[in-house]
Protein backbone atom coordinates (compact mmCIF):
# COMPACT_ATOMS: atom_id res chain seq x y z
CA MET A 1 31.69 4.26 8.41
CA ALA A 2 29.45 7.07 7.74
CA GLY A 3 30.06 6.55 3.85
CA SER A 4 29.77 2.98 4.20
CA LEU A 5 26.21 3.10 5.93
CA ARG A 6 24.83 5.47 3.02
CA ARG A 7 26.58 3.37 0.41
CA ASP A 8 25.49 0.11 1.82
CA VAL A 9 21.47 1.36 1.92
CA VAL A 10 21.54 2.46 -1.81
CA PRO A 11 20.09 -1.28 -3.30
CA LEU A 12 17.23 -0.79 -0.62
CA ALA A 13 16.49 2.56 -1.64
CA ILE A 14 16.48 1.83 -5.27
CA ALA A 15 14.30 -0.94 -3.91
CA GLN A 16 11.81 1.04 -2.45
CA THR A 17 11.93 3.78 -5.41
CA ILE A 18 10.48 0.81 -7.78
CA VAL A 19 7.81 -0.25 -5.18
CA TRP A 20 6.55 2.97 -4.48
CA ALA A 21 6.39 3.84 -8.08
CA ALA A 22 4.82 0.60 -9.06
CA MET A 23 2.28 -0.10 -6.25
CA TYR A 24 1.21 3.67 -4.93
CA TYR A 25 2.08 6.08 -7.30
CA SER A 26 0.30 4.12 -10.11
CA PHE A 27 -3.07 5.05 -8.79
CA PRO A 28 -2.55 8.74 -9.30
CA ALA A 29 -0.87 8.63 -12.26
CA LEU A 30 -3.50 6.25 -14.14
CA LEU A 31 -6.73 7.67 -12.29
CA PRO A 32 -7.37 9.89 -15.43
CA TRP A 33 -6.83 6.43 -17.84
CA TRP A 34 -9.21 4.31 -15.48
CA GLU A 35 -11.65 6.92 -15.34
CA ARG A 36 -11.57 7.45 -19.27
CA ASP A 37 -11.39 3.48 -20.27
CA LEU A 38 -13.42 2.08 -17.41
CA GLY A 39 -16.09 4.33 -17.39
CA TRP A 40 -16.13 4.64 -13.24
CA SER A 41 -16.28 7.96 -11.79
CA LYS A 42 -13.20 9.76 -9.67
CA THR A 43 -15.35 8.80 -6.62
CA GLU A 44 -15.65 5.14 -7.10
CA LEU A 45 -11.87 5.03 -8.14
CA SER A 46 -10.78 6.88 -5.27
CA VAL A 47 -12.87 4.80 -2.82
CA ALA A 48 -10.89 1.91 -3.52
CA PHE A 49 -7.61 3.67 -3.15
CA THR A 50 -8.91 4.74 0.29
CA ALA A 51 -9.73 1.35 1.25
CA ALA A 52 -6.12 -0.11 0.19
CA LEU A 53 -4.68 2.69 2.28
CA VAL A 54 -6.94 2.31 5.19
CA LEU A 55 -5.75 -1.37 5.26
CA THR A 56 -2.36 -0.66 4.83
CA ALA A 57 -2.79 1.71 7.95
CA LEU A 58 -4.40 -0.68 10.03
CA LEU A 59 -2.05 -3.83 9.66
CA ALA A 60 0.92 -1.15 10.54
CA PRO A 61 1.29 -2.54 14.14
CA LEU A 62 1.66 -5.75 12.63
CA ALA A 63 4.02 -5.09 10.10
CA GLY A 64 6.32 -3.67 13.05
CA ARG A 65 5.86 -6.23 15.35
CA LEU A 66 7.16 -8.83 12.71
CA VAL A 67 10.40 -6.50 11.94
CA ASP A 68 10.67 -6.37 16.17
CA ARG A 69 10.58 -9.90 16.19
CA GLY A 70 13.57 -10.30 13.24
CA LEU A 71 11.15 -11.63 10.13
CA ALA A 72 12.12 -8.35 7.88
CA ARG A 73 14.05 -10.68 5.63
CA ALA A 74 11.37 -12.82 4.98
CA VAL A 75 8.07 -10.04 5.17
CA HIS A 76 9.68 -7.16 3.45
CA PRO A 77 10.47 -8.78 0.34
CA GLY A 78 7.12 -10.99 0.24
CA GLY A 79 4.98 -8.04 0.22
CA ALA A 80 6.68 -6.97 -2.70
CA LEU A 81 6.30 -10.13 -4.55
CA ALA A 82 2.69 -10.16 -3.40
CA GLY A 83 2.13 -6.90 -5.04
CA ALA A 84 3.63 -7.80 -7.85
CA ALA A 85 1.38 -10.70 -8.43
CA LEU A 86 -1.67 -8.32 -7.72
CA LEU A 87 -0.47 -6.09 -10.44
CA VAL A 88 -0.60 -8.69 -12.62
CA VAL A 89 -4.26 -9.56 -11.43
CA LEU A 90 -5.08 -5.62 -11.48
CA SER A 91 -3.93 -5.52 -15.57
CA GLN A 92 -7.14 -8.10 -16.12
CA VAL A 93 -10.02 -6.54 -14.22
CA SER A 94 -13.19 -5.32 -15.51
CA GLU A 95 -15.48 -4.91 -13.06
CA LEU A 96 -16.09 -2.49 -10.05
CA TRP A 97 -15.83 -4.80 -7.48
CA GLN A 98 -12.87 -6.62 -8.98
CA PHE A 99 -11.02 -3.40 -9.14
CA TYR A 100 -11.66 -3.03 -5.22
CA ALA A 101 -10.96 -6.68 -4.34
CA VAL A 102 -7.20 -6.22 -5.85
CA TRP A 103 -6.63 -3.13 -4.12
CA LEU A 104 -7.41 -4.16 -1.01
CA LEU A 105 -4.93 -7.07 -1.18
CA LEU A 106 -2.59 -4.38 -2.59
CA GLY A 107 -3.12 -2.24 0.68
CA VAL A 108 -2.12 -5.98 2.63
CA ALA A 109 0.97 -6.12 0.48
CA MET A 110 1.68 -2.39 0.86
CA SER A 111 1.85 -2.53 4.72
CA VAL A 112 5.24 -4.71 4.50
CA SER A 113 6.71 -3.13 1.59
CA LEU A 114 6.72 0.29 1.61
CA TYR A 115 8.45 3.24 4.04
CA GLU A 116 6.93 2.24 7.17
CA ALA A 117 8.32 -1.25 7.35
CA ALA A 118 11.51 -0.35 5.83
CA PHE A 119 12.23 2.31 8.11
CA ALA A 120 11.16 0.33 11.05
CA ILE A 121 13.84 -2.10 9.73
CA ILE A 122 16.41 0.45 9.38
CA THR A 123 15.72 1.99 12.71
CA THR A 124 15.88 -1.40 14.90
CA THR A 125 18.84 -2.38 12.88
CA VAL A 126 21.13 0.78 13.24
CA GLY A 127 19.47 2.73 16.06
CA GLY A 128 21.01 6.23 16.34
CA ARG A 129 22.32 6.33 13.00
CA ALA A 130 18.72 5.72 11.84
CA ARG A 131 18.65 9.31 10.49
CA GLU A 132 21.63 9.09 8.38
CA ALA A 133 20.47 5.75 6.74
CA ILE A 134 16.78 6.83 6.41
CA THR A 135 17.91 10.29 4.52
CA ALA A 136 19.99 8.42 2.05
CA VAL A 137 17.02 5.79 1.27
CA THR A 138 14.82 8.78 0.94
CA LEU A 139 17.22 10.65 -1.21
CA ILE A 140 16.79 7.98 -4.23
CA ALA A 141 13.18 6.67 -3.38
CA GLY A 142 12.01 10.25 -3.78
CA PHE A 143 11.93 9.83 -7.16
CA ALA A 144 9.33 7.25 -7.43
CA GLY A 145 6.87 9.63 -8.19
CA THR A 146 9.27 10.92 -10.93
CA VAL A 147 9.37 7.58 -12.53
CA SER A 148 6.20 6.46 -12.12
CA PHE A 149 3.96 9.65 -13.42
CA PRO A 150 5.93 9.87 -16.92
CA SER A 151 6.64 5.93 -17.12
CA ALA A 152 2.71 5.50 -16.77
CA HIS A 153 1.95 8.08 -19.50
CA PHE A 154 4.05 6.75 -21.68
CA LEU A 155 3.47 3.09 -21.02
CA ALA A 156 -0.01 3.59 -21.19
CA GLY A 157 0.32 5.35 -24.23
CA LEU A 158 2.32 2.53 -26.09
CA PHE A 159 0.26 -0.37 -24.67
CA GLY A 160 -2.71 0.67 -23.02
CA TRP A 161 -3.10 0.90 -18.83
CA ARG A 162 -2.95 -2.64 -18.47
CA GLY A 163 0.00 -3.18 -20.31
CA ALA A 164 1.43 -0.33 -18.33
CA VAL A 165 0.40 -2.19 -14.99
CA LEU A 166 1.80 -5.30 -16.32
CA CYS A 167 5.48 -3.60 -16.97
CA PHE A 168 5.27 -2.10 -13.20
CA ALA A 169 4.71 -5.76 -12.08
CA GLY A 170 7.87 -6.74 -14.12
CA ALA A 171 9.85 -4.17 -12.46
CA ILE A 172 9.55 -5.57 -9.05
CA VAL A 173 10.30 -9.02 -9.70
CA PHE A 174 13.25 -8.57 -11.81
CA VAL A 175 14.56 -5.65 -10.39
CA ALA A 176 13.21 -4.48 -6.86
CA LEU A 177 13.21 -8.01 -5.51
CA PRO A 178 17.00 -8.81 -5.99
CA LEU A 179 17.87 -5.53 -4.88
CA MET A 180 15.85 -5.85 -1.70
CA PHE A 181 17.26 -8.68 -0.76
CA TRP A 182 20.78 -7.32 -1.28
CA GLY A 183 20.24 -4.33 0.68
CA LEU A 184 18.60 -5.97 3.89
CA ARG A 185 22.02 -8.19 3.74
CA LEU A 186 24.03 -4.92 3.67
CA LEU A 187 22.36 -3.41 6.44
CA GLU A 188 23.36 -6.20 8.26
CA ARG A 189 26.60 -4.95 8.59
CA HIS A 190 25.77 -1.83 10.80
CA ARG A 191 23.46 -3.62 13.36
CA ALA A 192 23.97 -1.50 16.34
CA PRO A 193 23.54 -2.94 20.06
CA PRO A 194 20.75 -1.84 22.18
CA ALA A 195 21.17 1.43 23.75
CA PRO A 196 21.82 0.98 27.46
CA ALA A 197 18.28 2.64 28.93
CA GLU A 198 16.97 0.06 26.42
CA ALA A 199 18.63 -2.83 27.35
CA ALA A 200 17.74 -2.45 30.96
CA GLY A 201 13.93 -1.74 30.28
CA GLY A 202 11.88 1.14 29.52
CA ASP A 203 8.14 1.79 28.62
CA GLY A 204 6.65 -0.82 26.74
CA HIS A 205 4.08 0.00 23.72
CA ALA A 206 1.02 0.37 26.11
CA ALA A 207 2.89 3.05 28.77
CA VAL A 208 3.64 4.99 25.87
CA THR A 209 0.18 5.11 24.33
CA ARG A 210 -0.89 6.83 27.71
CA ARG A 211 1.64 9.53 27.05
CA PRO A 212 0.05 12.96 25.58
CA ALA A 213 2.88 12.91 22.99
CA PHE A 214 2.05 10.03 21.51
CA TRP A 215 -1.63 11.11 20.73
CA LEU A 216 -0.15 14.84 19.93
CA LEU A 217 2.18 13.21 17.17
CA GLY A 218 -0.55 10.86 15.77
CA PHE A 219 -2.55 14.01 14.73
CA ALA A 220 0.30 15.50 13.33
CA PHE A 221 1.01 12.62 11.49
CA GLY A 222 -2.52 12.05 10.79
CA ALA A 223 -2.82 15.96 9.41
CA ILE A 224 0.12 15.94 6.83
CA GLY A 225 -1.07 12.43 5.80
CA LEU A 226 -4.54 13.74 4.81
CA VAL A 227 -3.04 17.00 3.28
CA HIS A 228 -0.79 14.89 0.68
CA GLY A 229 -4.20 12.40 0.08
CA LEU A 230 -6.25 15.40 -0.43
CA ILE A 231 -3.96 16.98 -3.05
CA LEU A 232 -1.78 13.89 -4.73
CA ALA A 233 -4.54 11.30 -5.73
CA HIS A 234 -6.43 14.45 -7.68
CA LEU A 235 -3.42 16.45 -8.41
CA LEU A 236 -3.84 16.19 -12.06
CA PRO A 237 -7.54 16.91 -12.27
CA ILE A 238 -6.60 19.82 -9.76
CA LEU A 239 -4.15 21.25 -12.04
CA ALA A 240 -6.41 20.89 -15.41
CA ASP A 241 -8.78 22.62 -13.20
CA ARG A 242 -6.61 25.76 -13.05
CA GLY A 243 -5.82 25.67 -16.52
CA VAL A 244 -2.49 23.57 -16.88
CA GLY A 245 -2.19 21.53 -19.74
CA GLU A 246 -1.98 17.79 -19.64
CA GLY A 247 1.20 17.53 -20.46
CA ALA A 248 2.56 20.34 -17.96
CA ALA A 249 0.39 18.99 -15.62
CA VAL A 250 2.46 15.46 -15.95
CA LEU A 251 5.59 17.18 -15.64
CA ALA A 252 4.60 19.20 -12.30
CA ALA A 253 3.59 15.95 -11.00
CA SER A 254 6.68 14.41 -11.80
CA MET A 255 8.75 16.95 -10.32
CA ILE A 256 7.24 16.60 -7.01
CA GLY A 257 10.06 13.70 -6.48
CA PRO A 258 12.88 15.74 -7.33
CA MET A 259 11.63 18.33 -4.86
CA GLN A 260 11.30 15.50 -1.90
CA VAL A 261 14.94 14.96 -2.65
CA ALA A 262 16.19 18.56 -2.96
CA GLY A 263 14.16 19.08 0.53
CA ARG A 264 16.42 16.01 1.98
CA ILE A 265 19.79 17.20 0.57
CA VAL A 266 18.66 20.39 2.23
CA LEU A 267 18.26 18.56 5.38
CA MET A 268 21.38 16.39 5.07
CA THR A 269 23.48 19.53 4.77
CA THR A 270 22.15 21.21 7.38
CA GLU A 271 21.90 18.32 10.10
CA ARG A 272 24.62 19.99 12.29
CA TRP A 273 22.12 23.12 13.33
CA MET A 274 18.36 21.50 11.75
CA THR A 275 17.11 19.72 14.68
CA THR A 276 14.56 17.18 14.00
CA TYR A 277 11.96 19.89 15.99
CA ARG A 278 12.89 22.46 13.37
CA ALA A 279 12.59 20.44 10.38
CA ALA A 280 9.15 19.12 10.95
CA LEU A 281 8.17 22.93 11.89
CA ALA A 282 9.61 23.60 8.43
CA CYS A 283 7.88 20.76 6.48
CA TYR A 284 4.22 21.47 7.88
CA CYS A 285 4.78 25.38 6.87
CA GLY A 286 6.25 24.24 3.28
CA ILE A 287 2.97 21.95 3.09
CA GLY A 288 0.86 24.76 4.18
CA LEU A 289 1.97 27.22 1.92
CA GLY A 290 2.01 24.69 -1.11
CA ALA A 291 -1.40 24.24 -0.97
CA ALA A 292 -1.89 28.00 -0.64
CA ALA A 293 0.19 28.63 -3.51
CA LEU A 294 -1.91 26.07 -5.84
CA LEU A 295 -4.99 27.52 -4.52
CA LEU A 296 -4.00 30.61 -6.14
CA ALA A 297 -2.54 29.17 -8.97
CA GLY A 298 -5.35 30.48 -11.47
CA LEU A 299 -3.87 34.01 -10.98
CA SER A 300 -0.17 32.96 -12.31
CA PRO A 301 1.15 29.75 -13.74
CA TRP A 302 4.55 30.58 -11.54
CA LEU A 303 2.37 29.56 -8.39
CA VAL A 304 2.26 25.86 -9.56
CA ALA A 305 5.92 26.02 -9.74
CA VAL A 306 6.00 27.38 -5.82
CA PHE A 307 3.47 24.24 -4.91
CA VAL A 308 5.64 21.71 -6.27
CA VAL A 309 8.74 23.12 -4.44
CA LEU A 310 7.19 23.78 -1.17
CA HIS A 311 5.19 20.63 -1.05
CA GLY A 312 7.80 18.44 -2.41
CA ALA A 313 10.40 19.85 -0.27
CA GLY A 314 7.82 19.76 2.72
CA TYR A 315 6.65 15.95 2.34
CA GLY A 316 10.07 15.15 1.19
CA THR A 317 11.35 16.27 4.91
CA ALA A 318 8.19 14.84 6.40
CA SER A 319 9.32 11.30 5.50
CA ILE A 320 12.56 11.30 7.40
CA VAL A 321 11.11 13.52 10.34
CA ARG A 322 8.13 11.10 11.10
CA PRO A 323 10.55 8.14 12.07
CA VAL A 324 13.47 10.17 13.84
CA LEU A 325 10.94 12.47 15.41
CA THR A 326 9.04 9.32 16.93
CA ALA A 327 12.51 7.81 17.87
CA GLU A 328 13.48 11.12 20.01
CA VAL A 329 10.10 11.86 21.60
CA LEU A 330 9.44 8.20 22.47
CA GLY A 331 12.21 6.40 22.39
CA ARG A 332 13.44 3.27 20.51
CA ARG A 333 12.31 0.41 22.30
CA ARG A 334 9.75 -1.69 20.48
CA PHE A 335 9.99 1.08 17.66
CA GLY A 336 8.32 -1.50 15.17
CA VAL A 337 5.29 -1.55 16.96
CA ILE A 338 5.01 2.12 18.31
CA ALA A 339 5.99 3.36 14.46
CA GLY A 340 3.51 1.11 13.28
CA MET A 341 0.58 2.42 15.84
CA LEU A 342 1.74 5.93 14.84
CA ALA A 343 1.49 4.95 10.85
CA ILE A 344 -2.52 4.22 11.61
CA PRO A 345 -3.34 7.94 11.87
CA PHE A 346 -0.52 8.91 9.12
CA MET A 347 -1.74 5.94 6.58
CA GLY A 348 -5.23 6.46 7.51
CA GLY A 349 -5.28 10.42 6.73
CA PHE A 350 -3.43 9.67 3.28
CA ALA A 351 -6.13 6.92 2.74
CA LEU A 352 -9.14 9.20 3.46
CA GLY A 353 -7.88 12.11 1.57
CA PRO A 354 -8.74 10.74 -1.83
CA THR A 355 -12.30 10.16 -1.27
CA ILE A 356 -12.58 13.24 1.24
CA ALA A 357 -11.27 15.21 -1.65
CA ALA A 358 -13.56 13.63 -4.11
CA LEU A 359 -16.72 14.32 -1.99
CA VAL A 360 -15.45 18.10 -0.91
CA TRP A 361 -14.73 18.53 -4.73
CA GLU A 362 -18.54 17.85 -5.47
CA LEU A 363 -19.74 20.10 -2.52
CA GLY A 364 -17.47 23.01 -3.44
CA GLY A 365 -15.00 22.27 -6.15
CA TYR A 366 -11.15 21.96 -5.78
CA ASP A 367 -10.77 25.28 -4.40
CA LEU A 368 -12.68 24.06 -1.15
CA VAL A 369 -10.31 20.82 -1.26
CA LEU A 370 -7.18 23.28 -1.01
CA GLY A 371 -8.70 25.49 1.82
CA LEU A 372 -9.16 22.17 3.75
CA ALA A 373 -5.66 21.36 3.10
CA VAL A 374 -4.37 24.91 4.08
CA ALA A 375 -6.24 24.47 7.45
CA CYS A 376 -4.65 20.82 8.23
CA ALA A 377 -1.46 21.68 7.72
CA ALA A 378 -2.05 24.41 10.37
CA ALA A 379 -3.62 22.07 12.72
CA GLY A 380 -0.68 19.45 12.38
CA LEU A 381 1.97 22.37 13.18
CA ALA A 382 0.26 23.18 16.42
CA ALA A 383 0.24 19.50 17.27
CA VAL A 384 3.87 19.15 16.57
CA VAL A 385 4.86 22.24 18.72
CA ALA A 386 2.39 20.74 21.69
CA ALA A 387 4.20 17.35 21.04
CA SER A 388 7.45 18.97 21.39
CA ARG A 389 6.56 20.70 24.74
CA ALA A 390 4.55 17.46 25.78
CA ARG A 391 7.52 15.00 26.03
């Protein structure tokens, strides 16, 4: 059955790839086009993305509650459809307030259509086999950035950024949505009964929030989200600041996705001895060292490649580690709500990242931004260690 589960989540994985590429990665991929064509600053543009992700984070517990109540098959595809409609609206904006309004609504759509909701659905459906299924999904969906950056660059070159956004909306409607419905139906074949302890009772989410491990995990997840947000939304300008040409910068950004997949493959092939705790330590170390390599990339172009490998593999592993570590430390009872609550610091950190990076850049340039990223990764690593001991 193991192979069957991995095969049956493929449609859901492909759908996630398209939705992530179209709704999430489209922002960093098209940021230079918006700045150039619309005349708004990096900070003004980044605030819109930050606001969207803050709203995504705040709505994550509600999305988890809807999953816990068995509404996944309506809510998850519904968010993707709403996102496609909003991308159509985005292609028509001409004023900054319109840009902000569309991204705020995209934040609502993303709260029920991206990884957080998908992983809650998988965990509540297949139970103890969640790590296997989540790994399979992320092996494919890890290519979302690889799809988005070159696609946006190519389509915007042909049709302008407005045409590129319309193409992304069409991909959601005509490819992602049918696959999402199919994938959710296939996942039901593997529904697991509640574990005995969970069926009998256990801590509710209110009791879980009183445990130190919950807050330590929240801090750790927030740190890794902040590091990713600091770097990803500004990656093309950061690389340009280090003397990397436009074509090479797009290639480097596109390769982060394959490196995420590579990290997940390593995790999958070493799962017999690579515990979730060890994987968490590895991902935080990788992200911190990757930021340090990018900080020093002016010394050698090879350090850009080191950054791509370490950051991609580290963040790719983190996508699996977060839900699985949450279940191992805090249990699976009311998992949708608890995971949604822990998504607030993670998504909040990522949401604040682009704007914080823009503000810090104004104060001390991108060297200061990357120094902050290294420090945040180190603090997150310490929090993971403390959370493991506290449980």
